[in-house]
Amino acid sequence: MSNEAWLVFGLGNPGPKYETTRHNIGQMVVSELASRVGSTLTRTKLRSHVGTGRLSAGRVPGLPGPRVVLATSTGYMNESGGPVRALADFYGITTDRIIAVHDDVDLPFDAIRAKLGGGEGGHNGLRSMTSVLGTKSYLRVRAGVGRPPGRQDTADYVLRPFSKDERTTLPIFISDLADAVEELIINGLTDMQQKFHSR
């Protein structure tokens, strides 16, 4: 298959127990993107739920936007690398066209940042991806979920649902994150950073 496709992988854990937690915001964003391209995430043999489509806007007016493979893992966060590698191999996607969407406790809630490469910041999903891909040179869209209050354990904090106040604006945040992913794919990292890092 053509290398023109992008892989957008939403990090998270499987099952209803985790689907509304902070750690799964990446999966929420991928679901939003699937809805936008008119696709349904379907379970595959690649240990992932996958949907494909084209973004509605492209660089050239009148032509379809970039092709995207949207995916979430059927396994746990610390096993994310295997499904990402399998998807990239199956769809012929190079590492520089892989985007990991994930929660980040080092950013305040509602903040959006993106970067190419860098460390994993203790994030087990990113650590697994780096290990299996053999490189840090993939794109990350970081969704701020804030620091845990008081002395609450970070692992416990990210595995809890968003607070009542956060839930009131969460749909807008997820929509903004999906916008950021689209901007990153269509116009590149620098343009996306200029547009969303100033929020």
N, C-alpha and C. Protein backbone atom coordinates (compact mmCIF):
# COMPACT_ATOMS: atom_id res chain seq x y z
N MET A 1 0.82 -1.20 0.00
CA MET A 1 0.00 0.00 0.00
C MET A 1 0.87 1.26 0.00
N SER A 2 0.28 2.39 -0.34
CA SER A 2 1.02 3.63 -0.50
C SER A 2 1.49 4.20 0.84
N ASN A 3 2.67 4.84 0.81
CA ASN A 3 3.20 5.47 2.00
C ASN A 3 2.53 6.81 2.30
N GLU A 4 1.53 7.20 1.51
CA GLU A 4 0.88 8.48 1.73
C GLU A 4 0.04 8.51 2.99
N ALA A 5 -0.31 7.34 3.53
CA ALA A 5 -1.18 7.29 4.71
C ALA A 5 -0.44 7.73 5.97
N TRP A 6 -1.24 8.22 6.90
CA TRP A 6 -0.77 8.54 8.25
C TRP A 6 -1.44 7.59 9.24
N LEU A 7 -0.70 7.18 10.26
CA LEU A 7 -1.27 6.37 11.33
C LEU A 7 -1.45 7.25 12.56
N VAL A 8 -2.69 7.40 12.99
CA VAL A 8 -3.00 8.14 14.22
C VAL A 8 -3.42 7.12 15.26
N PHE A 9 -2.60 6.95 16.28
CA PHE A 9 -2.82 5.91 17.28
C PHE A 9 -3.17 6.55 18.61
N GLY A 10 -4.37 6.27 19.11
CA GLY A 10 -4.81 6.81 20.39
C GLY A 10 -4.45 5.87 21.53
N LEU A 11 -3.57 6.30 22.40
CA LEU A 11 -3.13 5.45 23.50
C LEU A 11 -4.22 5.34 24.58
N GLY A 12 -4.28 4.16 25.19
CA GLY A 12 -5.28 3.93 26.22
C GLY A 12 -5.33 2.47 26.62
N ASN A 13 -6.26 2.15 27.49
CA ASN A 13 -6.48 0.78 27.95
C ASN A 13 -7.84 0.29 27.46
N PRO A 14 -8.01 -1.02 27.33
CA PRO A 14 -9.26 -1.56 26.78
C PRO A 14 -10.36 -1.71 27.82
N GLY A 15 -11.60 -1.71 27.34
CA GLY A 15 -12.73 -2.04 28.18
C GLY A 15 -13.42 -0.87 28.84
N PRO A 16 -14.66 -1.07 29.25
CA PRO A 16 -15.47 0.00 29.85
C PRO A 16 -14.91 0.55 31.15
N LYS A 17 -14.11 -0.24 31.86
CA LYS A 17 -13.53 0.22 33.12
C LYS A 17 -12.65 1.44 32.92
N TYR A 18 -12.02 1.53 31.75
CA TYR A 18 -11.03 2.58 31.51
C TYR A 18 -11.47 3.64 30.50
N GLU A 19 -12.56 3.41 29.79
CA GLU A 19 -12.84 4.24 28.62
C GLU A 19 -13.09 5.71 28.93
N THR A 20 -13.47 6.05 30.14
CA THR A 20 -13.72 7.46 30.48
C THR A 20 -12.60 8.06 31.34
N THR A 21 -11.48 7.36 31.46
CA THR A 21 -10.39 7.84 32.31
C THR A 21 -9.46 8.80 31.56
N ARG A 22 -8.68 9.55 32.32
CA ARG A 22 -7.73 10.49 31.74
C ARG A 22 -6.72 9.80 30.83
N HIS A 23 -6.31 8.60 31.21
CA HIS A 23 -5.30 7.85 30.45
C HIS A 23 -5.81 7.48 29.06
N ASN A 24 -7.12 7.54 28.84
CA ASN A 24 -7.70 7.12 27.57
C ASN A 24 -8.10 8.28 26.67
N ILE A 25 -7.65 9.48 26.97
CA ILE A 25 -8.06 10.60 26.15
C ILE A 25 -7.58 10.45 24.70
N GLY A 26 -6.45 9.79 24.50
CA GLY A 26 -5.98 9.54 23.14
C GLY A 26 -6.98 8.73 22.34
N GLN A 27 -7.59 7.73 22.98
CA GLN A 27 -8.60 6.92 22.30
C GLN A 27 -9.85 7.74 22.01
N MET A 28 -10.20 8.64 22.91
CA MET A 28 -11.36 9.50 22.68
C MET A 28 -11.15 10.38 21.45
N VAL A 29 -9.93 10.87 21.28
CA VAL A 29 -9.62 11.72 20.12
C VAL A 29 -9.71 10.92 18.83
N VAL A 30 -9.19 9.71 18.84
CA VAL A 30 -9.26 8.87 17.64
C VAL A 30 -10.72 8.55 17.29
N SER A 31 -11.55 8.33 18.28
CA SER A 31 -12.98 8.10 18.02
C SER A 31 -13.62 9.32 17.37
N GLU A 32 -13.24 10.52 17.84
CA GLU A 32 -13.74 11.76 17.24
C GLU A 32 -13.29 11.88 15.79
N LEU A 33 -12.04 11.57 15.51
CA LEU A 33 -11.54 11.64 14.14
C LEU A 33 -12.23 10.62 13.25
N ALA A 34 -12.50 9.43 13.77
CA ALA A 34 -13.20 8.41 12.99
C ALA A 34 -14.58 8.90 12.62
N SER A 35 -15.26 9.55 13.56
CA SER A 35 -16.58 10.10 13.28
C SER A 35 -16.49 11.15 12.17
N ARG A 36 -15.46 11.97 12.20
CA ARG A 36 -15.31 13.02 11.21
C ARG A 36 -15.09 12.48 9.79
N VAL A 37 -14.37 11.38 9.68
CA VAL A 37 -14.08 10.83 8.34
C VAL A 37 -15.13 9.80 7.91
N GLY A 38 -16.14 9.61 8.77
CA GLY A 38 -17.21 8.68 8.43
C GLY A 38 -16.81 7.22 8.52
N SER A 39 -15.92 6.92 9.46
CA SER A 39 -15.43 5.56 9.62
C SER A 39 -15.84 4.99 10.97
N THR A 40 -15.83 3.68 11.06
CA THR A 40 -16.12 2.98 12.31
C THR A 40 -14.87 2.20 12.71
N LEU A 41 -14.49 2.28 13.97
CA LEU A 41 -13.35 1.52 14.46
C LEU A 41 -13.77 0.07 14.65
N THR A 42 -13.13 -0.82 13.89
CA THR A 42 -13.49 -2.23 13.88
C THR A 42 -12.32 -3.07 14.38
N ARG A 43 -12.62 -4.07 15.19
CA ARG A 43 -11.57 -4.94 15.71
C ARG A 43 -10.91 -5.73 14.59
N THR A 44 -9.59 -5.79 14.60
CA THR A 44 -8.85 -6.49 13.55
C THR A 44 -7.90 -7.51 14.17
N LYS A 45 -7.23 -8.27 13.30
CA LYS A 45 -6.25 -9.25 13.76
C LYS A 45 -4.93 -8.59 14.14
N LEU A 46 -4.84 -7.28 13.95
CA LEU A 46 -3.62 -6.54 14.26
C LEU A 46 -3.61 -6.02 15.70
N ARG A 47 -4.43 -6.63 16.55
CA ARG A 47 -4.54 -6.25 17.97
C ARG A 47 -4.98 -4.80 18.14
N SER A 48 -5.83 -4.37 17.23
CA SER A 48 -6.29 -2.98 17.24
C SER A 48 -7.71 -2.87 16.73
N HIS A 49 -8.37 -1.79 17.12
CA HIS A 49 -9.59 -1.34 16.47
C HIS A 49 -9.15 -0.31 15.44
N VAL A 50 -9.57 -0.49 14.19
CA VAL A 50 -9.04 0.34 13.11
C VAL A 50 -10.17 0.89 12.24
N GLY A 51 -10.01 2.13 11.83
CA GLY A 51 -10.87 2.76 10.84
C GLY A 51 -10.00 3.54 9.87
N THR A 52 -10.43 3.66 8.64
CA THR A 52 -9.65 4.40 7.64
C THR A 52 -10.54 5.42 6.94
N GLY A 53 -9.92 6.42 6.36
CA GLY A 53 -10.66 7.43 5.62
C GLY A 53 -9.73 8.52 5.16
N ARG A 54 -10.32 9.60 4.67
CA ARG A 54 -9.54 10.76 4.25
C ARG A 54 -10.02 12.00 4.99
N LEU A 55 -9.07 12.81 5.41
CA LEU A 55 -9.44 14.07 6.02
C LEU A 55 -10.15 14.94 4.99
N SER A 56 -11.04 15.76 5.47
CA SER A 56 -11.91 16.52 4.56
C SER A 56 -11.19 17.65 3.85
N ALA A 57 -10.08 18.11 4.40
CA ALA A 57 -9.36 19.23 3.80
C ALA A 57 -7.94 18.83 3.45
N GLY A 58 -7.48 19.32 2.34
CA GLY A 58 -6.12 19.05 1.91
C GLY A 58 -5.41 20.32 1.50
N ARG A 59 -4.17 20.20 1.10
CA ARG A 59 -3.41 21.37 0.67
C ARG A 59 -3.94 21.94 -0.64
N VAL A 60 -4.46 21.04 -1.50
CA VAL A 60 -4.94 21.47 -2.81
C VAL A 60 -6.47 21.50 -2.81
N PRO A 61 -7.08 22.69 -2.96
CA PRO A 61 -8.55 22.79 -2.95
C PRO A 61 -9.18 21.88 -4.00
N GLY A 62 -10.26 21.21 -3.61
CA GLY A 62 -10.97 20.35 -4.55
C GLY A 62 -10.49 18.91 -4.58
N LEU A 63 -9.32 18.66 -3.98
CA LEU A 63 -8.80 17.31 -3.94
C LEU A 63 -9.00 16.73 -2.54
N PRO A 64 -9.18 15.41 -2.43
CA PRO A 64 -9.39 14.82 -1.11
C PRO A 64 -8.17 15.01 -0.21
N GLY A 65 -8.42 15.08 1.07
CA GLY A 65 -7.33 15.25 2.02
C GLY A 65 -6.53 13.98 2.20
N PRO A 66 -5.51 14.03 3.06
CA PRO A 66 -4.63 12.89 3.29
C PRO A 66 -5.40 11.67 3.82
N ARG A 67 -4.89 10.51 3.44
CA ARG A 67 -5.48 9.25 3.92
C ARG A 67 -4.97 8.97 5.32
N VAL A 68 -5.87 8.56 6.22
CA VAL A 68 -5.50 8.29 7.59
C VAL A 68 -5.95 6.89 8.01
N VAL A 69 -5.12 6.27 8.81
CA VAL A 69 -5.46 5.03 9.50
C VAL A 69 -5.60 5.40 10.97
N LEU A 70 -6.77 5.22 11.51
CA LEU A 70 -7.08 5.60 12.89
C LEU A 70 -7.18 4.34 13.72
N ALA A 71 -6.48 4.28 14.84
CA ALA A 71 -6.44 3.02 15.57
C ALA A 71 -6.31 3.20 17.07
N THR A 72 -6.85 2.22 17.79
CA THR A 72 -6.65 2.08 19.23
C THR A 72 -6.34 0.62 19.50
N SER A 73 -5.61 0.37 20.55
CA SER A 73 -5.18 -0.99 20.85
C SER A 73 -6.28 -1.78 21.56
N THR A 74 -6.30 -3.08 21.31
CA THR A 74 -7.19 -3.97 22.07
C THR A 74 -6.49 -4.48 23.34
N GLY A 75 -5.21 -4.14 23.48
CA GLY A 75 -4.45 -4.54 24.65
C GLY A 75 -4.22 -3.37 25.58
N TYR A 76 -3.35 -3.58 26.56
CA TYR A 76 -3.12 -2.55 27.58
C TYR A 76 -2.04 -1.56 27.15
N MET A 77 -2.01 -0.45 27.85
CA MET A 77 -1.14 0.67 27.52
C MET A 77 0.31 0.25 27.34
N ASN A 78 0.81 -0.57 28.26
CA ASN A 78 2.23 -0.93 28.20
C ASN A 78 2.56 -1.93 27.10
N GLU A 79 1.55 -2.28 26.28
CA GLU A 79 1.76 -3.18 25.14
C GLU A 79 1.50 -2.45 23.81
N SER A 80 1.48 -1.13 23.83
CA SER A 80 1.08 -0.35 22.66
C SER A 80 2.01 -0.52 21.47
N GLY A 81 3.28 -0.75 21.71
CA GLY A 81 4.25 -0.82 20.63
C GLY A 81 3.96 -1.89 19.60
N GLY A 82 3.53 -3.07 20.07
CA GLY A 82 3.27 -4.17 19.15
C GLY A 82 2.20 -3.86 18.12
N PRO A 83 1.03 -3.39 18.54
CA PRO A 83 0.00 -3.02 17.57
C PRO A 83 0.44 -1.89 16.63
N VAL A 84 1.15 -0.90 17.15
CA VAL A 84 1.61 0.19 16.29
C VAL A 84 2.54 -0.35 15.21
N ARG A 85 3.48 -1.19 15.57
CA ARG A 85 4.40 -1.79 14.60
C ARG A 85 3.65 -2.61 13.57
N ALA A 86 2.68 -3.41 14.03
CA ALA A 86 1.91 -4.25 13.11
C ALA A 86 1.11 -3.41 12.11
N LEU A 87 0.51 -2.34 12.60
CA LEU A 87 -0.27 -1.46 11.73
C LEU A 87 0.62 -0.75 10.72
N ALA A 88 1.76 -0.24 11.19
CA ALA A 88 2.68 0.45 10.29
C ALA A 88 3.17 -0.48 9.19
N ASP A 89 3.49 -1.71 9.55
CA ASP A 89 3.95 -2.68 8.56
C ASP A 89 2.83 -3.02 7.57
N PHE A 90 1.64 -3.25 8.07
CA PHE A 90 0.53 -3.67 7.21
C PHE A 90 0.15 -2.58 6.21
N TYR A 91 0.11 -1.34 6.68
CA TYR A 91 -0.32 -0.24 5.82
C TYR A 91 0.84 0.48 5.13
N GLY A 92 2.06 0.03 5.35
CA GLY A 92 3.21 0.65 4.71
C GLY A 92 3.45 2.08 5.15
N ILE A 93 3.34 2.32 6.44
CA ILE A 93 3.47 3.68 6.98
C ILE A 93 4.84 3.84 7.62
N THR A 94 5.54 4.89 7.21
CA THR A 94 6.87 5.16 7.77
C THR A 94 6.74 5.81 9.14
N THR A 95 7.79 5.69 9.95
CA THR A 95 7.74 6.16 11.32
C THR A 95 7.43 7.64 11.43
N ASP A 96 7.91 8.44 10.46
CA ASP A 96 7.67 9.88 10.53
C ASP A 96 6.22 10.25 10.26
N ARG A 97 5.39 9.26 9.88
CA ARG A 97 3.96 9.49 9.68
C ARG A 97 3.11 8.81 10.74
N ILE A 98 3.73 8.44 11.85
CA ILE A 98 3.00 7.88 12.99
C ILE A 98 2.79 8.99 14.01
N ILE A 99 1.54 9.14 14.45
CA ILE A 99 1.19 10.14 15.46
C ILE A 99 0.59 9.42 16.66
N ALA A 100 1.23 9.55 17.81
CA ALA A 100 0.68 9.01 19.06
C ALA A 100 -0.07 10.13 19.77
N VAL A 101 -1.33 9.90 20.09
CA VAL A 101 -2.12 10.87 20.85
C VAL A 101 -2.24 10.34 22.28
N HIS A 102 -1.81 11.14 23.25
CA HIS A 102 -1.73 10.60 24.61
C HIS A 102 -1.93 11.67 25.67
N ASP A 103 -2.26 11.22 26.87
CA ASP A 103 -2.40 12.09 28.03
C ASP A 103 -1.03 12.52 28.53
N ASP A 104 -0.99 13.71 29.15
CA ASP A 104 0.27 14.21 29.67
C ASP A 104 0.00 14.96 30.98
N VAL A 105 0.51 14.41 32.08
CA VAL A 105 0.28 15.02 33.40
C VAL A 105 1.14 16.26 33.63
N ASP A 106 2.12 16.48 32.77
CA ASP A 106 2.98 17.65 32.92
C ASP A 106 2.39 18.89 32.27
N LEU A 107 1.22 18.75 31.67
CA LEU A 107 0.51 19.88 31.07
C LEU A 107 -0.81 20.09 31.80
N PRO A 108 -1.24 21.34 31.98
CA PRO A 108 -2.53 21.58 32.62
C PRO A 108 -3.67 21.06 31.76
N PHE A 109 -4.78 20.76 32.40
CA PHE A 109 -5.95 20.29 31.66
C PHE A 109 -6.31 21.30 30.57
N ASP A 110 -6.57 20.78 29.38
CA ASP A 110 -7.00 21.59 28.23
C ASP A 110 -5.83 22.12 27.39
N ALA A 111 -4.59 21.88 27.82
CA ALA A 111 -3.43 22.32 27.03
C ALA A 111 -3.13 21.29 25.95
N ILE A 112 -2.69 21.76 24.80
CA ILE A 112 -2.35 20.90 23.67
C ILE A 112 -0.94 21.24 23.22
N ARG A 113 -0.11 20.21 23.11
CA ARG A 113 1.25 20.39 22.60
C ARG A 113 1.56 19.24 21.63
N ALA A 114 2.50 19.50 20.73
CA ALA A 114 2.94 18.45 19.81
C ALA A 114 4.44 18.52 19.65
N LYS A 115 5.05 17.41 19.37
CA LYS A 115 6.49 17.39 19.13
C LYS A 115 6.86 16.14 18.35
N LEU A 116 8.06 16.18 17.80
CA LEU A 116 8.63 15.02 17.13
C LEU A 116 9.73 14.48 18.01
N GLY A 117 9.63 13.22 18.39
CA GLY A 117 10.65 12.61 19.22
C GLY A 117 10.61 13.12 20.65
N GLY A 118 11.73 12.93 21.34
CA GLY A 118 11.81 13.33 22.74
C GLY A 118 11.66 12.14 23.67
N GLY A 119 11.64 12.44 24.96
CA GLY A 119 11.52 11.38 25.95
C GLY A 119 10.10 10.90 26.13
N GLU A 120 9.94 9.92 26.99
CA GLU A 120 8.62 9.34 27.23
C GLU A 120 7.95 9.90 28.48
N GLY A 121 8.69 10.60 29.32
CA GLY A 121 8.12 11.22 30.51
C GLY A 121 7.44 10.24 31.44
N GLY A 122 7.94 9.00 31.48
CA GLY A 122 7.33 8.00 32.35
C GLY A 122 6.06 7.39 31.81
N HIS A 123 5.70 7.72 30.55
CA HIS A 123 4.46 7.21 29.97
C HIS A 123 4.71 5.81 29.38
N ASN A 124 4.03 4.81 29.94
CA ASN A 124 4.29 3.42 29.53
C ASN A 124 3.92 3.13 28.08
N GLY A 125 2.90 3.82 27.57
CA GLY A 125 2.52 3.61 26.17
C GLY A 125 3.60 4.09 25.22
N LEU A 126 4.13 5.29 25.49
CA LEU A 126 5.22 5.82 24.68
C LEU A 126 6.47 4.97 24.83
N ARG A 127 6.74 4.54 26.04
CA ARG A 127 7.93 3.71 26.28
C ARG A 127 7.86 2.42 25.44
N SER A 128 6.67 1.81 25.39
CA SER A 128 6.49 0.60 24.59
C SER A 128 6.67 0.88 23.10
N MET A 129 6.11 2.00 22.63
CA MET A 129 6.24 2.36 21.22
C MET A 129 7.71 2.57 20.85
N THR A 130 8.43 3.32 21.67
CA THR A 130 9.84 3.59 21.39
C THR A 130 10.64 2.29 21.36
N SER A 131 10.36 1.40 22.29
CA SER A 131 11.08 0.14 22.38
C SER A 131 10.85 -0.72 21.13
N VAL A 132 9.60 -0.85 20.72
CA VAL A 132 9.28 -1.73 19.59
C VAL A 132 9.65 -1.09 18.26
N LEU A 133 9.42 0.20 18.11
CA LEU A 133 9.77 0.88 16.86
C LEU A 133 11.28 1.06 16.72
N GLY A 134 11.99 1.05 17.84
CA GLY A 134 13.44 1.22 17.80
C GLY A 134 13.88 2.65 17.56
N THR A 135 12.98 3.59 17.77
CA THR A 135 13.28 5.01 17.57
C THR A 135 12.30 5.86 18.36
N LYS A 136 12.75 7.07 18.70
CA LYS A 136 11.86 8.06 19.33
C LYS A 136 11.27 8.99 18.28
N SER A 137 11.66 8.84 17.04
CA SER A 137 11.31 9.81 15.99
C SER A 137 9.92 9.57 15.39
N TYR A 138 8.93 9.63 16.23
CA TYR A 138 7.54 9.64 15.78
C TYR A 138 6.87 10.85 16.43
N LEU A 139 5.76 11.29 15.87
CA LEU A 139 5.08 12.49 16.35
C LEU A 139 4.20 12.18 17.56
N ARG A 140 4.10 13.13 18.44
CA ARG A 140 3.22 12.98 19.61
C ARG A 140 2.32 14.21 19.72
N VAL A 141 1.05 13.99 19.91
CA VAL A 141 0.12 15.06 20.27
C VAL A 141 -0.23 14.84 21.73
N ARG A 142 0.15 15.80 22.57
CA ARG A 142 0.06 15.66 24.02
C ARG A 142 -1.17 16.39 24.54
N ALA A 143 -2.02 15.66 25.23
CA ALA A 143 -3.25 16.21 25.79
C ALA A 143 -3.07 16.41 27.28
N GLY A 144 -3.09 17.66 27.71
CA GLY A 144 -2.88 17.96 29.13
C GLY A 144 -4.03 17.47 30.00
N VAL A 145 -3.70 16.72 31.04
CA VAL A 145 -4.72 16.26 31.99
C VAL A 145 -4.43 16.77 33.40
N GLY A 146 -3.36 17.55 33.57
CA GLY A 146 -3.06 18.14 34.87
C GLY A 146 -2.35 17.19 35.82
N ARG A 147 -1.80 17.77 36.87
CA ARG A 147 -1.11 16.99 37.89
C ARG A 147 -2.12 16.46 38.91
N PRO A 148 -1.83 15.31 39.53
CA PRO A 148 -2.72 14.81 40.59
C PRO A 148 -2.71 15.75 41.79
N PRO A 149 -3.86 15.91 42.42
CA PRO A 149 -3.93 16.81 43.58
C PRO A 149 -3.23 16.21 44.79
N GLY A 150 -2.65 17.08 45.60
CA GLY A 150 -2.03 16.63 46.85
C GLY A 150 -0.97 15.58 46.62
N ARG A 151 -1.08 14.49 47.36
CA ARG A 151 -0.10 13.42 47.25
C ARG A 151 -0.65 12.21 46.51
N GLN A 152 -1.72 12.41 45.77
CA GLN A 152 -2.32 11.30 45.03
C GLN A 152 -1.30 10.71 44.05
N ASP A 153 -1.25 9.40 43.99
CA ASP A 153 -0.35 8.71 43.08
C ASP A 153 -0.71 9.01 41.63
N THR A 154 0.28 9.28 40.81
CA THR A 154 0.04 9.64 39.40
C THR A 154 -0.66 8.52 38.66
N ALA A 155 -0.23 7.29 38.87
CA ALA A 155 -0.85 6.15 38.18
C ALA A 155 -2.32 6.03 38.55
N ASP A 156 -2.64 6.26 39.81
CA ASP A 156 -4.02 6.21 40.24
C ASP A 156 -4.82 7.36 39.64
N TYR A 157 -4.21 8.51 39.57
CA TYR A 157 -4.88 9.71 39.05
C TYR A 157 -5.29 9.54 37.59
N VAL A 158 -4.37 9.07 36.74
CA VAL A 158 -4.69 8.97 35.31
C VAL A 158 -5.68 7.84 35.01
N LEU A 159 -5.82 6.92 35.94
CA LEU A 159 -6.77 5.82 35.74
C LEU A 159 -8.15 6.12 36.34
N ARG A 160 -8.36 7.38 36.72
CA ARG A 160 -9.66 7.82 37.21
C ARG A 160 -10.36 8.67 36.16
N PRO A 161 -11.69 8.72 36.18
CA PRO A 161 -12.41 9.59 35.25
C PRO A 161 -12.10 11.06 35.49
N PHE A 162 -12.35 11.87 34.49
CA PHE A 162 -12.19 13.32 34.64
C PHE A 162 -13.15 13.83 35.71
N SER A 163 -12.78 14.95 36.33
CA SER A 163 -13.62 15.53 37.36
C SER A 163 -14.91 16.09 36.74
N LYS A 164 -15.86 16.42 37.60
CA LYS A 164 -17.13 16.97 37.12
C LYS A 164 -16.91 18.25 36.32
N ASP A 165 -16.06 19.14 36.84
CA ASP A 165 -15.77 20.39 36.12
C ASP A 165 -15.10 20.13 34.78
N GLU A 166 -14.15 19.20 34.76
CA GLU A 166 -13.45 18.88 33.52
C GLU A 166 -14.40 18.28 32.48
N ARG A 167 -15.34 17.49 32.94
CA ARG A 167 -16.27 16.84 32.00
C ARG A 167 -17.14 17.85 31.26
N THR A 168 -17.36 19.02 31.86
CA THR A 168 -18.20 20.01 31.19
C THR A 168 -17.55 20.55 29.92
N THR A 169 -16.23 20.62 29.91
CA THR A 169 -15.52 21.13 28.73
C THR A 169 -14.76 20.05 27.96
N LEU A 170 -14.81 18.81 28.43
CA LEU A 170 -14.07 17.72 27.79
C LEU A 170 -14.43 17.54 26.31
N PRO A 171 -15.72 17.60 25.92
CA PRO A 171 -16.03 17.44 24.49
C PRO A 171 -15.36 18.51 23.63
N ILE A 172 -15.27 19.74 24.13
CA ILE A 172 -14.60 20.80 23.38
C ILE A 172 -13.11 20.51 23.28
N PHE A 173 -12.53 20.06 24.38
CA PHE A 173 -11.10 19.71 24.41
C PHE A 173 -10.80 18.61 23.40
N ILE A 174 -11.62 17.57 23.38
CA ILE A 174 -11.41 16.46 22.44
C ILE A 174 -11.54 16.95 21.00
N SER A 175 -12.51 17.82 20.74
CA SER A 175 -12.67 18.38 19.41
C SER A 175 -11.45 19.20 19.01
N ASP A 176 -10.94 20.00 19.95
CA ASP A 176 -9.74 20.79 19.69
C ASP A 176 -8.53 19.90 19.41
N LEU A 177 -8.41 18.82 20.15
CA LEU A 177 -7.31 17.88 19.93
C LEU A 177 -7.42 17.24 18.54
N ALA A 178 -8.62 16.89 18.13
CA ALA A 178 -8.82 16.34 16.79
C ALA A 178 -8.45 17.37 15.73
N ASP A 179 -8.81 18.64 15.97
CA ASP A 179 -8.41 19.73 15.07
C ASP A 179 -6.89 19.80 14.98
N ALA A 180 -6.23 19.65 16.13
CA ALA A 180 -4.77 19.74 16.17
C ALA A 180 -4.13 18.61 15.36
N VAL A 181 -4.68 17.42 15.45
CA VAL A 181 -4.16 16.30 14.66
C VAL A 181 -4.33 16.58 13.18
N GLU A 182 -5.49 17.07 12.79
CA GLU A 182 -5.73 17.39 11.39
C GLU A 182 -4.76 18.47 10.90
N GLU A 183 -4.56 19.50 11.72
CA GLU A 183 -3.63 20.58 11.36
C GLU A 183 -2.21 20.03 11.20
N LEU A 184 -1.81 19.15 12.08
CA LEU A 184 -0.48 18.55 12.03
C LEU A 184 -0.28 17.79 10.72
N ILE A 185 -1.27 17.01 10.33
CA ILE A 185 -1.17 16.21 9.12
C ILE A 185 -1.20 17.08 7.86
N ILE A 186 -2.09 18.03 7.83
CA ILE A 186 -2.30 18.81 6.61
C ILE A 186 -1.25 19.89 6.42
N ASN A 187 -0.89 20.60 7.50
CA ASN A 187 -0.02 21.77 7.37
C ASN A 187 1.34 21.62 8.04
N GLY A 188 1.55 20.53 8.76
CA GLY A 188 2.86 20.28 9.34
C GLY A 188 2.99 20.69 10.80
N LEU A 189 4.08 20.24 11.40
CA LEU A 189 4.29 20.42 12.84
C LEU A 189 4.44 21.89 13.23
N THR A 190 5.21 22.65 12.48
CA THR A 190 5.44 24.05 12.85
C THR A 190 4.15 24.85 12.85
N ASP A 191 3.35 24.70 11.80
CA ASP A 191 2.08 25.43 11.74
C ASP A 191 1.16 25.00 12.87
N MET A 192 1.12 23.71 13.16
CA MET A 192 0.27 23.22 14.24
C MET A 192 0.73 23.81 15.58
N GLN A 193 2.04 23.83 15.83
CA GLN A 193 2.55 24.38 17.07
C GLN A 193 2.20 25.86 17.22
N GLN A 194 2.35 26.61 16.14
CA GLN A 194 2.05 28.04 16.20
C GLN A 194 0.57 28.28 16.50
N LYS A 195 -0.28 27.42 16.00
CA LYS A 195 -1.72 27.61 16.16
C LYS A 195 -2.21 27.15 17.53
N PHE A 196 -1.69 26.04 18.03
CA PHE A 196 -2.25 25.45 19.24
C PHE A 196 -1.41 25.64 20.51
N HIS A 197 -0.11 25.89 20.37
CA HIS A 197 0.70 26.04 21.57
C HIS A 197 0.45 27.36 22.28
N SER A 198 -0.16 28.31 21.59
CA SER A 198 -0.43 29.62 22.19
C SER A 198 -1.73 29.65 22.98
N ARG A 199 -2.46 28.52 23.00
CA ARG A 199 -3.73 28.46 23.72
C ARG A 199 -3.52 28.70 25.21
